[in-house]
Amino acid sequence: MRIAIPLTEGRLSQHFGHSEQFLFVDADPEQRNILGKEIIRAPEHAPGLLPKWLRAQGVTVVIAGGLGSQARDLLTAGSVTVVTGAPVTDPEILVARFLNGTLANGTNGCDHSKHNCGS
């Protein structure tokens, strides 16, 4: 499984479409451990670009703070599991919680009336 986490200043970004980088974590869900990780600079923001780019990177799970409905729909249509409302904390803690089944969807931090969380 390949997990993507949007980052700003090395921590979970609350605004998916405006993240600076993505942490990609390759994990074994049965053993619940991390096999490898890499950080890649996010492409320039454009509506609908990030979901396609993430699928091209082999992503099967996205853990995000705030995520717009268009991005969520595009990701789930591509068979990507999406967890939103994750707390701003160390990304590896989020991955461990996900693998242990203790990371649930929280309040989506995206409110397009105030800002664009990205698509």
PDB file of N, CA and C in Angstrom:
ATOM      1  N   MET A   1       0.850  -1.165   0.000  1.00  0.00           N
ATOM      2  CA  MET A   1       0.000   0.000   0.000  1.00  0.00           C
ATOM      3  C   MET A   1       0.896   1.228   0.000  1.00  0.00           C
ATOM      4  N   ARG A   2       0.428   2.247  -0.720  1.00  0.00           N
ATOM      5  CA  ARG A   2       1.184   3.505  -0.760  1.00  0.00           C
ATOM      6  C   ARG A   2       0.289   4.617  -0.226  1.00  0.00           C
ATOM      7  N   ILE A   3       0.767   5.280   0.816  1.00  0.00           N
ATOM      8  CA  ILE A   3       0.014   6.322   1.509  1.00  0.00           C
ATOM      9  C   ILE A   3       0.640   7.673   1.169  1.00  0.00           C
ATOM     10  N   ALA A   4      -0.216   8.653   0.866  1.00  0.00           N
ATOM     11  CA  ALA A   4       0.257  10.017   0.595  1.00  0.00           C
ATOM     12  C   ALA A   4      -0.292  10.953   1.656  1.00  0.00           C
ATOM     13  N   ILE A   5       0.592  11.825   2.152  1.00  0.00           N
ATOM     14  CA  ILE A   5       0.212  12.826   3.148  1.00  0.00           C
ATOM     15  C   ILE A   5       0.715  14.182   2.660  1.00  0.00           C
ATOM     16  N   PRO A   6      -0.208  15.159   2.474  1.00  0.00           N
ATOM     17  CA  PRO A   6       0.229  16.494   2.058  1.00  0.00           C
ATOM     18  C   PRO A   6       0.945  17.202   3.207  1.00  0.00           C
ATOM     19  N   LEU A   7       2.065  17.841   2.891  1.00  0.00           N
ATOM     20  CA  LEU A   7       2.875  18.494   3.919  1.00  0.00           C
ATOM     21  C   LEU A   7       3.082  19.980   3.645  1.00  0.00           C
ATOM     22  N   THR A   8       3.132  20.729   4.719  1.00  0.00           N
ATOM     23  CA  THR A   8       3.578  22.111   4.709  1.00  0.00           C
ATOM     24  C   THR A   8       4.508  22.264   5.905  1.00  0.00           C
ATOM     25  N   GLU A   9       5.725  22.691   5.650  1.00  0.00           N
ATOM     26  CA  GLU A   9       6.754  22.822   6.684  1.00  0.00           C
ATOM     27  C   GLU A   9       6.951  21.510   7.453  1.00  0.00           C
ATOM     28  N   GLY A  10       6.883  20.379   6.743  1.00  0.00           N
ATOM     29  CA  GLY A  10       7.163  19.077   7.330  1.00  0.00           C
ATOM     30  C   GLY A  10       6.044  18.454   8.151  1.00  0.00           C
ATOM     31  N   ARG A  11       4.909  19.139   8.248  1.00  0.00           N
ATOM     32  CA  ARG A  11       3.775  18.619   9.014  1.00  0.00           C
ATOM     33  C   ARG A  11       2.560  18.520   8.116  1.00  0.00           C
ATOM     34  N   LEU A  12       1.558  17.780   8.562  1.00  0.00           N
ATOM     35  CA  LEU A  12       0.336  17.630   7.794  1.00  0.00           C
ATOM     36  C   LEU A  12      -0.213  18.993   7.397  1.00  0.00           C
ATOM     37  N   SER A  13      -0.465  19.173   6.117  1.00  0.00           N
ATOM     38  CA  SER A  13      -1.044  20.417   5.627  1.00  0.00           C
ATOM     39  C   SER A  13      -2.560  20.359   5.789  1.00  0.00           C
ATOM     40  N   GLN A  14      -3.133  21.418   6.299  1.00  0.00           N
ATOM     41  CA  GLN A  14      -4.587  21.474   6.443  1.00  0.00           C
ATOM     42  C   GLN A  14      -5.267  21.829   5.130  1.00  0.00           C
ATOM     43  N   HIS A  15      -4.496  22.223   4.136  1.00  0.00           N
ATOM     44  CA  HIS A  15      -5.047  22.645   2.860  1.00  0.00           C
ATOM     45  C   HIS A  15      -4.422  21.808   1.745  1.00  0.00           C
ATOM     46  N   PHE A  16      -5.056  20.696   1.430  1.00  0.00           N
ATOM     47  CA  PHE A  16      -4.579  19.697   0.473  1.00  0.00           C
ATOM     48  C   PHE A  16      -3.997  20.321  -0.796  1.00  0.00           C
ATOM     49  N   GLY A  17      -4.748  21.176  -1.454  1.00  0.00           N
ATOM     50  CA  GLY A  17      -4.337  21.726  -2.736  1.00  0.00           C
ATOM     51  C   GLY A  17      -3.219  22.730  -2.669  1.00  0.00           C
ATOM     52  N   HIS A  18      -2.872  23.177  -1.466  1.00  0.00           N
ATOM     53  CA  HIS A  18      -1.814  24.167  -1.324  1.00  0.00           C
ATOM     54  C   HIS A  18      -0.613  23.627  -0.552  1.00  0.00           C
ATOM     55  N   SER A  19      -0.510  22.321  -0.472  1.00  0.00           N
ATOM     56  CA  SER A  19       0.632  21.735   0.237  1.00  0.00           C
ATOM     57  C   SER A  19       1.911  21.925  -0.575  1.00  0.00           C
ATOM     58  N   GLU A  20       3.019  21.997   0.137  1.00  0.00           N
ATOM     59  CA  GLU A  20       4.318  22.205  -0.504  1.00  0.00           C
ATOM     60  C   GLU A  20       4.897  20.896  -1.033  1.00  0.00           C
ATOM     61  N   GLN A  21       4.649  19.825  -0.287  1.00  0.00           N
ATOM     62  CA  GLN A  21       5.241  18.523  -0.593  1.00  0.00           C
ATOM     63  C   GLN A  21       4.229  17.434  -0.243  1.00  0.00           C
ATOM     64  N   PHE A  22       4.552  16.222  -0.693  1.00  0.00           N
ATOM     65  CA  PHE A  22       3.805  15.043  -0.272  1.00  0.00           C
ATOM     66  C   PHE A  22       4.788  14.020   0.267  1.00  0.00           C
ATOM     67  N   LEU A  23       4.435  13.456   1.401  1.00  0.00           N
ATOM     68  CA  LEU A  23       5.179  12.322   1.929  1.00  0.00           C
ATOM     69  C   LEU A  23       4.518  11.077   1.375  1.00  0.00           C
ATOM     70  N   PHE A  24       5.309  10.233   0.724  1.00  0.00           N
ATOM     71  CA  PHE A  24       4.816   8.951   0.230  1.00  0.00           C
ATOM     72  C   PHE A  24       5.392   7.875   1.129  1.00  0.00           C
ATOM     73  N   VAL A  25       4.505   7.077   1.688  1.00  0.00           N
ATOM     74  CA  VAL A  25       4.918   6.010   2.591  1.00  0.00           C
ATOM     75  C   VAL A  25       4.460   4.682   2.009  1.00  0.00           C
ATOM     76  N   ASP A  26       5.411   3.796   1.778  1.00  0.00           N
ATOM     77  CA  ASP A  26       5.084   2.439   1.362  1.00  0.00           C
ATOM     78  C   ASP A  26       4.997   1.609   2.631  1.00  0.00           C
ATOM     79  N   ALA A  27       3.871   0.916   2.796  1.00  0.00           N
ATOM     80  CA  ALA A  27       3.626   0.190   4.043  1.00  0.00           C
ATOM     81  C   ALA A  27       3.064  -1.191   3.769  1.00  0.00           C
ATOM     82  N   ASP A  28       3.308  -2.079   4.706  1.00  0.00           N
ATOM     83  CA  ASP A  28       2.736  -3.422   4.681  1.00  0.00           C
ATOM     84  C   ASP A  28       1.567  -3.426   5.659  1.00  0.00           C
ATOM     85  N   PRO A  29       0.330  -3.437   5.145  1.00  0.00           N
ATOM     86  CA  PRO A  29      -0.816  -3.356   6.046  1.00  0.00           C
ATOM     87  C   PRO A  29      -0.980  -4.586   6.939  1.00  0.00           C
ATOM     88  N   GLU A  30      -0.506  -5.739   6.494  1.00  0.00           N
ATOM     89  CA  GLU A  30      -0.624  -6.944   7.319  1.00  0.00           C
ATOM     90  C   GLU A  30       0.348  -6.915   8.494  1.00  0.00           C
ATOM     91  N   GLN A  31       1.576  -6.502   8.241  1.00  0.00           N
ATOM     92  CA  GLN A  31       2.581  -6.413   9.298  1.00  0.00           C
ATOM     93  C   GLN A  31       2.502  -5.078  10.048  1.00  0.00           C
ATOM     94  N   ARG A  32       1.743  -4.130   9.460  1.00  0.00           N
ATOM     95  CA  ARG A  32       1.553  -2.804  10.048  1.00  0.00           C
ATOM     96  C   ARG A  32       2.878  -2.069  10.249  1.00  0.00           C
ATOM     97  N   ASN A  33       3.722  -2.126   9.208  1.00  0.00           N
ATOM     98  CA  ASN A  33       4.981  -1.404   9.329  1.00  0.00           C
ATOM     99  C   ASN A  33       5.306  -0.641   8.050  1.00  0.00           C
ATOM    100  N   ILE A  34       6.198   0.322   8.195  1.00  0.00           N
ATOM    101  CA  ILE A  34       6.622   1.164   7.091  1.00  0.00           C
ATOM    102  C   ILE A  34       7.796   0.497   6.387  1.00  0.00           C
ATOM    103  N   LEU A  35       7.682   0.373   5.068  1.00  0.00           N
ATOM    104  CA  LEU A  35       8.731  -0.256   4.276  1.00  0.00           C
ATOM    105  C   LEU A  35       9.676   0.780   3.672  1.00  0.00           C
ATOM    106  N   GLY A  36       9.161   1.973   3.416  1.00  0.00           N
ATOM    107  CA  GLY A  36       9.978   3.029   2.826  1.00  0.00           C
ATOM    108  C   GLY A  36       9.185   4.315   2.768  1.00  0.00           C
ATOM    109  N   LYS A  37       9.909   5.406   2.591  1.00  0.00           N
ATOM    110  CA  LYS A  37       9.232   6.696   2.492  1.00  0.00           C
ATOM    111  C   LYS A  37      10.081   7.653   1.681  1.00  0.00           C
ATOM    112  N   GLU A  38       9.395   8.596   1.031  1.00  0.00           N
ATOM    113  CA  GLU A  38      10.076   9.647   0.284  1.00  0.00           C
ATOM    114  C   GLU A  38       9.195  10.886   0.272  1.00  0.00           C
ATOM    115  N   ILE A  39       9.830  12.031   0.180  1.00  0.00           N
ATOM    116  CA  ILE A  39       9.119  13.296   0.100  1.00  0.00           C
ATOM    117  C   ILE A  39       9.354  13.862  -1.290  1.00  0.00           C
ATOM    118  N   ILE A  40       8.242  14.244  -1.941  1.00  0.00           N
ATOM    119  CA  ILE A  40       8.311  14.799  -3.288  1.00  0.00           C
ATOM    120  C   ILE A  40       7.588  16.142  -3.293  1.00  0.00           C
ATOM    121  N   ARG A  41       8.189  17.106  -3.947  1.00  0.00           N
ATOM    122  CA  ARG A  41       7.577  18.433  -4.091  1.00  0.00           C
ATOM    123  C   ARG A  41       6.257  18.297  -4.847  1.00  0.00           C
ATOM    124  N   ALA A  42       5.238  18.963  -4.350  1.00  0.00           N
ATOM    125  CA  ALA A  42       3.921  18.936  -4.986  1.00  0.00           C
ATOM    126  C   ALA A  42       3.944  19.710  -6.295  1.00  0.00           C
ATOM    127  N   PRO A  43       3.191  19.252  -7.291  1.00  0.00           N
ATOM    128  CA  PRO A  43       3.098  20.038  -8.528  1.00  0.00           C
ATOM    129  C   PRO A  43       2.326  21.329  -8.280  1.00  0.00           C
ATOM    130  N   GLU A  44       2.430  22.271  -9.202  1.00  0.00           N
ATOM    131  CA  GLU A  44       1.672  23.521  -9.103  1.00  0.00           C
ATOM    132  C   GLU A  44       0.190  23.189  -8.976  1.00  0.00           C
ATOM    133  N   HIS A  45      -0.522  24.004  -8.209  1.00  0.00           N
ATOM    134  CA  HIS A  45      -1.947  23.756  -7.991  1.00  0.00           C
ATOM    135  C   HIS A  45      -2.755  24.067  -9.252  1.00  0.00           C
ATOM    136  N   ALA A  46      -3.598  23.118  -9.630  1.00  0.00           N
ATOM    137  CA  ALA A  46      -4.578  23.296 -10.705  1.00  0.00           C
ATOM    138  C   ALA A  46      -5.730  22.349 -10.383  1.00  0.00           C
ATOM    139  N   PRO A  47      -6.968  22.785 -10.537  1.00  0.00           N
ATOM    140  CA  PRO A  47      -8.106  21.931 -10.213  1.00  0.00           C
ATOM    141  C   PRO A  47      -8.019  20.558 -10.883  1.00  0.00           C
ATOM    142  N   GLY A  48      -8.154  19.517 -10.070  1.00  0.00           N
ATOM    143  CA  GLY A  48      -8.158  18.149 -10.556  1.00  0.00           C
ATOM    144  C   GLY A  48      -6.798  17.528 -10.798  1.00  0.00           C
ATOM    145  N   LEU A  49      -5.721  18.309 -10.715  1.00  0.00           N
ATOM    146  CA  LEU A  49      -4.385  17.791 -11.022  1.00  0.00           C
ATOM    147  C   LEU A  49      -3.854  16.833  -9.946  1.00  0.00           C
ATOM    148  N   LEU A  50      -3.959  17.218  -8.680  1.00  0.00           N
ATOM    149  CA  LEU A  50      -3.365  16.403  -7.621  1.00  0.00           C
ATOM    150  C   LEU A  50      -3.921  14.977  -7.565  1.00  0.00           C
ATOM    151  N   PRO A  51      -5.233  14.761  -7.658  1.00  0.00           N
ATOM    152  CA  PRO A  51      -5.719  13.378  -7.636  1.00  0.00           C
ATOM    153  C   PRO A  51      -5.119  12.523  -8.757  1.00  0.00           C
ATOM    154  N   LYS A  52      -5.021  13.068  -9.955  1.00  0.00           N
ATOM    155  CA  LYS A  52      -4.432  12.315 -11.071  1.00  0.00           C
ATOM    156  C   LYS A  52      -2.962  12.042 -10.805  1.00  0.00           C
ATOM    157  N   TRP A  53      -2.252  13.057 -10.325  1.00  0.00           N
ATOM    158  CA  TRP A  53      -0.822  12.917 -10.042  1.00  0.00           C
ATOM    159  C   TRP A  53      -0.587  11.869  -8.956  1.00  0.00           C
ATOM    160  N   LEU A  54      -1.404  11.893  -7.911  1.00  0.00           N
ATOM    161  CA  LEU A  54      -1.243  10.924  -6.828  1.00  0.00           C
ATOM    162  C   LEU A  54      -1.502   9.496  -7.308  1.00  0.00           C
ATOM    163  N   ARG A  55      -2.528   9.312  -8.121  1.00  0.00           N
ATOM    164  CA  ARG A  55      -2.803   7.967  -8.660  1.00  0.00           C
ATOM    165  C   ARG A  55      -1.631   7.510  -9.528  1.00  0.00           C
ATOM    166  N   ALA A  56      -1.038   8.428 -10.303  1.00  0.00           N
ATOM    167  CA  ALA A  56       0.117   8.080 -11.145  1.00  0.00           C
ATOM    168  C   ALA A  56       1.322   7.676 -10.292  1.00  0.00           C
ATOM    169  N   GLN A  57       1.379   8.158  -9.047  1.00  0.00           N
ATOM    170  CA  GLN A  57       2.454   7.804  -8.119  1.00  0.00           C
ATOM    171  C   GLN A  57       2.179   6.460  -7.424  1.00  0.00           C
ATOM    172  N   GLY A  58       1.033   5.845  -7.717  1.00  0.00           N
ATOM    173  CA  GLY A  58       0.688   4.548  -7.126  1.00  0.00           C
ATOM    174  C   GLY A  58       0.021   4.644  -5.773  1.00  0.00           C
ATOM    175  N   VAL A  59      -0.491   5.815  -5.423  1.00  0.00           N
ATOM    176  CA  VAL A  59      -1.108   6.031  -4.115  1.00  0.00           C
ATOM    177  C   VAL A  59      -2.425   5.266  -4.002  1.00  0.00           C
ATOM    178  N   THR A  60      -2.611   4.608  -2.856  1.00  0.00           N
ATOM    179  CA  THR A  60      -3.856   3.887  -2.581  1.00  0.00           C
ATOM    180  C   THR A  60      -4.607   4.484  -1.394  1.00  0.00           C
ATOM    181  N   VAL A  61      -3.918   5.343  -0.608  1.00  0.00           N
ATOM    182  CA  VAL A  61      -4.521   5.982   0.567  1.00  0.00           C
ATOM    183  C   VAL A  61      -4.020   7.412   0.643  1.00  0.00           C
ATOM    184  N   VAL A  62      -4.939   8.352   0.937  1.00  0.00           N
ATOM    185  CA  VAL A  62      -4.559   9.740   1.204  1.00  0.00           C
ATOM    186  C   VAL A  62      -5.041  10.077   2.602  1.00  0.00           C
ATOM    187  N   ILE A  63      -4.136  10.608   3.421  1.00  0.00           N
ATOM    188  CA  ILE A  63      -4.485  11.098   4.756  1.00  0.00           C
ATOM    189  C   ILE A  63      -4.350  12.613   4.687  1.00  0.00           C
ATOM    190  N   ALA A  64      -5.453  13.327   4.942  1.00  0.00           N
ATOM    191  CA  ALA A  64      -5.458  14.779   4.794  1.00  0.00           C
ATOM    192  C   ALA A  64      -6.165  15.446   5.960  1.00  0.00           C
ATOM    193  N   GLY A  65      -5.876  16.723   6.134  1.00  0.00           N
ATOM    194  CA  GLY A  65      -6.602  17.525   7.107  1.00  0.00           C
ATOM    195  C   GLY A  65      -7.866  18.043   6.450  1.00  0.00           C
ATOM    196  N   GLY A  66      -7.690  18.935   5.477  1.00  0.00           N
ATOM    197  CA  GLY A  66      -8.803  19.487   4.725  1.00  0.00           C
ATOM    198  C   GLY A  66      -8.684  19.123   3.264  1.00  0.00           C
ATOM    199  N   LEU A  67      -9.803  18.706   2.690  1.00  0.00           N
ATOM    200  CA  LEU A  67      -9.814  18.243   1.306  1.00  0.00           C
ATOM    201  C   LEU A  67     -11.146  18.627   0.681  1.00  0.00           C
ATOM    202  N   GLY A  68     -11.098  19.323  -0.454  1.00  0.00           N
ATOM    203  CA  GLY A  68     -12.313  19.731  -1.136  1.00  0.00           C
ATOM    204  C   GLY A  68     -13.075  18.547  -1.711  1.00  0.00           C
ATOM    205  N   SER A  69     -14.350  18.756  -1.959  1.00  0.00           N
ATOM    206  CA  SER A  69     -15.208  17.661  -2.429  1.00  0.00           C
ATOM    207  C   SER A  69     -14.805  17.165  -3.821  1.00  0.00           C
ATOM    208  N   GLN A  70     -14.335  18.051  -4.697  1.00  0.00           N
ATOM    209  CA  GLN A  70     -13.925  17.610  -6.030  1.00  0.00           C
ATOM    210  C   GLN A  70     -12.723  16.671  -5.938  1.00  0.00           C
ATOM    211  N   ALA A  71     -11.736  17.035  -5.136  1.00  0.00           N
ATOM    212  CA  ALA A  71     -10.559  16.184  -4.964  1.00  0.00           C
ATOM    213  C   ALA A  71     -10.953  14.850  -4.348  1.00  0.00           C
ATOM    214  N   ARG A  72     -11.815  14.882  -3.341  1.00  0.00           N
ATOM    215  CA  ARG A  72     -12.267  13.652  -2.697  1.00  0.00           C
ATOM    216  C   ARG A  72     -12.968  12.749  -3.699  1.00  0.00           C
ATOM    217  N   ASP A  73     -13.850  13.331  -4.492  1.00  0.00           N
ATOM    218  CA  ASP A  73     -14.582  12.544  -5.480  1.00  0.00           C
ATOM    219  C   ASP A  73     -13.648  11.935  -6.518  1.00  0.00           C
ATOM    220  N   LEU A  74     -12.677  12.715  -6.995  1.00  0.00           N
ATOM    221  CA  LEU A  74     -11.727  12.205  -7.983  1.00  0.00           C
ATOM    222  C   LEU A  74     -10.856  11.091  -7.401  1.00  0.00           C
ATOM    223  N   LEU A  75     -10.442  11.242  -6.161  1.00  0.00           N
ATOM    224  CA  LEU A  75      -9.620  10.212  -5.525  1.00  0.00           C
ATOM    225  C   LEU A  75     -10.421   8.930  -5.316  1.00  0.00           C
ATOM    226  N   THR A  76     -11.611   9.047  -4.756  1.00  0.00           N
ATOM    227  CA  THR A  76     -12.397   7.843  -4.486  1.00  0.00           C
ATOM    228  C   THR A  76     -12.833   7.163  -5.785  1.00  0.00           C
ATOM    229  N   ALA A  77     -13.082   7.942  -6.840  1.00  0.00           N
ATOM    230  CA  ALA A  77     -13.418   7.350  -8.138  1.00  0.00           C
ATOM    231  C   ALA A  77     -12.236   6.542  -8.683  1.00  0.00           C
ATOM    232  N   GLY A  78     -11.029   6.904  -8.284  1.00  0.00           N
ATOM    233  CA  GLY A  78      -9.823   6.190  -8.688  1.00  0.00           C
ATOM    234  C   GLY A  78      -9.421   5.108  -7.703  1.00  0.00           C
ATOM    235  N   SER A  79     -10.353   4.702  -6.829  1.00  0.00           N
ATOM    236  CA  SER A  79     -10.130   3.636  -5.836  1.00  0.00           C
ATOM    237  C   SER A  79      -9.083   3.986  -4.794  1.00  0.00           C
ATOM    238  N   VAL A  80      -8.973   5.271  -4.477  1.00  0.00           N
ATOM    239  CA  VAL A  80      -8.062   5.716  -3.426  1.00  0.00           C
ATOM    240  C   VAL A  80      -8.889   5.930  -2.158  1.00  0.00           C
ATOM    241  N   THR A  81      -8.450   5.324  -1.057  1.00  0.00           N
ATOM    242  CA  THR A  81      -9.091   5.521   0.244  1.00  0.00           C
ATOM    243  C   THR A  81      -8.683   6.891   0.765  1.00  0.00           C
ATOM    244  N   VAL A  82      -9.664   7.665   1.247  1.00  0.00           N
ATOM    245  CA  VAL A  82      -9.393   9.020   1.719  1.00  0.00           C
ATOM    246  C   VAL A  82      -9.799   9.141   3.179  1.00  0.00           C
ATOM    247  N   VAL A  83      -8.862   9.628   4.001  1.00  0.00           N
ATOM    248  CA  VAL A  83      -9.139   9.942   5.397  1.00  0.00           C
ATOM    249  C   VAL A  83      -8.959  11.442   5.543  1.00  0.00           C
ATOM    250  N   THR A  84     -10.014  12.143   5.972  1.00  0.00           N
ATOM    251  CA  THR A  84      -9.930  13.586   6.155  1.00  0.00           C
ATOM    252  C   THR A  84     -10.104  13.954   7.619  1.00  0.00           C
ATOM    253  N   GLY A  85      -9.731  15.178   7.932  1.00  0.00           N
ATOM    254  CA  GLY A  85      -9.872  15.659   9.298  1.00  0.00           C
ATOM    255  C   GLY A  85      -8.787  15.136  10.215  1.00  0.00           C
ATOM    256  N   ALA A  86      -7.670  14.683   9.625  1.00  0.00           N
ATOM    257  CA  ALA A  86      -6.567  14.179  10.445  1.00  0.00           C
ATOM    258  C   ALA A  86      -5.947  15.342  11.221  1.00  0.00           C
ATOM    259  N   PRO A  87      -5.472  15.068  12.430  1.00  0.00           N
ATOM    260  CA  PRO A  87      -4.867  16.142  13.227  1.00  0.00           C
ATOM    261  C   PRO A  87      -3.477  16.514  12.704  1.00  0.00           C
ATOM    262  N   VAL A  88      -3.085  17.759  12.933  1.00  0.00           N
ATOM    263  CA  VAL A  88      -1.752  18.209  12.534  1.00  0.00           C
ATOM    264  C   VAL A  88      -0.764  17.637  13.545  1.00  0.00           C
ATOM    265  N   THR A  89      -0.041  16.633  13.094  1.00  0.00           N
ATOM    266  CA  THR A  89       0.947  15.967  13.939  1.00  0.00           C
ATOM    267  C   THR A  89       2.001  15.351  13.028  1.00  0.00           C
ATOM    268  N   ASP A  90       2.939  14.657  13.602  1.00  0.00           N
ATOM    269  CA  ASP A  90       3.984  13.987  12.837  1.00  0.00           C
ATOM    270  C   ASP A  90       3.339  13.019  11.846  1.00  0.00           C
ATOM    271  N   PRO A  91       3.685  13.108  10.572  1.00  0.00           N
ATOM    272  CA  PRO A  91       3.069  12.245   9.566  1.00  0.00           C
ATOM    273  C   PRO A  91       3.232  10.747   9.844  1.00  0.00           C
ATOM    274  N   GLU A  92       4.358  10.355  10.429  1.00  0.00           N
ATOM    275  CA  GLU A  92       4.550   8.931  10.719  1.00  0.00           C
ATOM    276  C   GLU A  92       3.598   8.443  11.814  1.00  0.00           C
ATOM    277  N   ILE A  93       3.210   9.332  12.719  1.00  0.00           N
ATOM    278  CA  ILE A  93       2.210   8.967  13.726  1.00  0.00           C
ATOM    279  C   ILE A  93       0.870   8.720  13.040  1.00  0.00           C
ATOM    280  N   LEU A  94       0.538   9.558  12.052  1.00  0.00           N
ATOM    281  CA  LEU A  94      -0.709   9.367  11.307  1.00  0.00           C
ATOM    282  C   LEU A  94      -0.709   8.029  10.577  1.00  0.00           C
ATOM    283  N   VAL A  95       0.415   7.685   9.961  1.00  0.00           N
ATOM    284  CA  VAL A  95       0.519   6.406   9.250  1.00  0.00           C
ATOM    285  C   VAL A  95       0.359   5.253  10.236  1.00  0.00           C
ATOM    286  N   ALA A  96       1.029   5.320  11.375  1.00  0.00           N
ATOM    287  CA  ALA A  96       0.918   4.252  12.375  1.00  0.00           C
ATOM    288  C   ALA A  96      -0.524   4.097  12.844  1.00  0.00           C
ATOM    289  N   ARG A  97      -1.206   5.218  13.097  1.00  0.00           N
ATOM    290  CA  ARG A  97      -2.612   5.155  13.512  1.00  0.00           C
ATOM    291  C   ARG A  97      -3.476   4.537  12.413  1.00  0.00           C
ATOM    292  N   PHE A  98      -3.216   4.919  11.160  1.00  0.00           N
ATOM    293  CA  PHE A  98      -3.983   4.349  10.053  1.00  0.00           C
ATOM    294  C   PHE A  98      -3.773   2.841   9.987  1.00  0.00           C
ATOM    295  N   LEU A  99      -2.515   2.415  10.041  1.00  0.00           N
ATOM    296  CA  LEU A  99      -2.209   0.988   9.937  1.00  0.00           C
ATOM    297  C   LEU A  99      -2.790   0.188  11.103  1.00  0.00           C
ATOM    298  N   ASN A 100      -2.897   0.824  12.272  1.00  0.00           N
ATOM    299  CA  ASN A 100      -3.462   0.155  13.446  1.00  0.00           C
ATOM    300  C   ASN A 100      -4.980   0.261  13.513  1.00  0.00           C
ATOM    301  N   GLY A 101      -5.574   0.968  12.553  1.00  0.00           N
ATOM    302  CA  GLY A 101      -7.023   1.096  12.524  1.00  0.00           C
ATOM    303  C   GLY A 101      -7.580   2.099  13.518  1.00  0.00           C
ATOM    304  N   THR A 102      -6.734   3.017  14.005  1.00  0.00           N
ATOM    305  CA  THR A 102      -7.192   3.987  15.006  1.00  0.00           C
ATOM    306  C   THR A 102      -7.292   5.412  14.460  1.00  0.00           C
ATOM    307  N   LEU A 103      -7.085   5.587  13.166  1.00  0.00           N
ATOM    308  CA  LEU A 103      -7.211   6.914  12.552  1.00  0.00           C
ATOM    309  C   LEU A 103      -8.547   6.960  11.820  1.00  0.00           C
ATOM    310  N   ALA A 104      -9.472   7.708  12.368  1.00  0.00           N
ATOM    311  CA  ALA A 104     -10.809   7.825  11.781  1.00  0.00           C
ATOM    312  C   ALA A 104     -10.964   9.180  11.108  1.00  0.00           C
ATOM    313  N   ASN A 105     -11.956   9.268  10.228  1.00  0.00           N
ATOM    314  CA  ASN A 105     -12.284  10.566   9.635  1.00  0.00           C
ATOM    315  C   ASN A 105     -12.716  11.512  10.735  1.00  0.00           C
ATOM    316  N   GLY A 106     -12.155  12.710  10.695  1.00  0.00           N
ATOM    317  CA  GLY A 106     -12.541  13.752  11.638  1.00  0.00           C
ATOM    318  C   GLY A 106     -13.266  14.852  10.887  1.00  0.00           C
ATOM    319  N   THR A 107     -13.300  16.018  11.474  1.00  0.00           N
ATOM    320  CA  THR A 107     -13.933  17.160  10.827  1.00  0.00           C
ATOM    321  C   THR A 107     -13.029  17.635   9.697  1.00  0.00           C
ATOM    322  N   ASN A 108     -13.558  17.642   8.491  1.00  0.00           N
ATOM    323  CA  ASN A 108     -12.806  18.087   7.329  1.00  0.00           C
ATOM    324  C   ASN A 108     -12.500  19.571   7.506  1.00  0.00           C
ATOM    325  N   GLY A 109     -11.233  19.926   7.513  1.00  0.00           N
ATOM    326  CA  GLY A 109     -10.822  21.308   7.734  1.00  0.00           C
ATOM    327  C   GLY A 109     -11.022  22.206   6.532  1.00  0.00           C
ATOM    328  N   CYS A 110     -11.702  21.738   5.509  1.00  0.00           N
ATOM    329  CA  CYS A 110     -11.870  22.510   4.287  1.00  0.00           C
ATOM    330  C   CYS A 110     -13.201  23.235   4.276  1.00  0.00           C
ATOM    331  N   ASP A 111     -13.131  24.527   4.075  1.00  0.00           N
ATOM    332  CA  ASP A 111     -14.326  25.354   3.945  1.00  0.00           C
ATOM    333  C   ASP A 111     -14.091  26.272   2.756  1.00  0.00           C
ATOM    334  N   HIS A 112     -14.648  25.917   1.618  1.00  0.00           N
ATOM    335  CA  HIS A 112     -14.376  26.675   0.399  1.00  0.00           C
ATOM    336  C   HIS A 112     -14.951  28.078   0.417  1.00  0.00           C
ATOM    337  N   SER A 113     -15.826  28.367   1.380  1.00  0.00           N
ATOM    338  CA  SER A 113     -16.298  29.729   1.441  1.00  0.00           C
ATOM    339  C   SER A 113     -15.222  30.662   2.003  1.00  0.00           C
ATOM    340  N   LYS A 114     -14.230  30.082   2.685  1.00  0.00           N
ATOM    341  CA  LYS A 114     -13.160  30.886   3.272  1.00  0.00           C
ATOM    342  C   LYS A 114     -11.848  30.746   2.516  1.00  0.00           C
ATOM    343  N   HIS A 115     -11.582  29.567   2.002  1.00  0.00           N
ATOM    344  CA  HIS A 115     -10.335  29.327   1.294  1.00  0.00           C
ATOM    345  C   HIS A 115     -10.470  28.088   0.418  1.00  0.00           C
ATOM    346  N   ASN A 116      -9.514  27.847  -0.399  1.00  0.00           N
ATOM    347  CA  ASN A 116      -9.542  26.696  -1.299  1.00  0.00           C
ATOM    348  C   ASN A 116      -8.631  25.619  -0.749  1.00  0.00           C
ATOM    349  N   CYS A 117      -9.193  24.502  -0.377  1.00  0.00           N
ATOM    350  CA  CYS A 117      -8.401  23.397   0.161  1.00  0.00           C
ATOM    351  C   CYS A 117      -7.828  22.545  -0.950  1.00  0.00           C
ATOM    352  N   GLY A 118      -8.283  22.747  -2.143  1.00  0.00           N
ATOM    353  CA  GLY A 118      -7.650  22.075  -3.270  1.00  0.00           C
ATOM    354  C   GLY A 118      -8.451  20.951  -3.843  1.00  0.00           C
ATOM    355  N   SER A 119      -8.201  20.756  -5.086  1.00  0.00           N
ATOM    356  CA  SER A 119      -8.831  19.665  -5.804  1.00  0.00           C
ATOM    357  C   SER A 119      -7.826  19.012  -6.708  1.00  0.00           C
TER     358      SER A 119
END
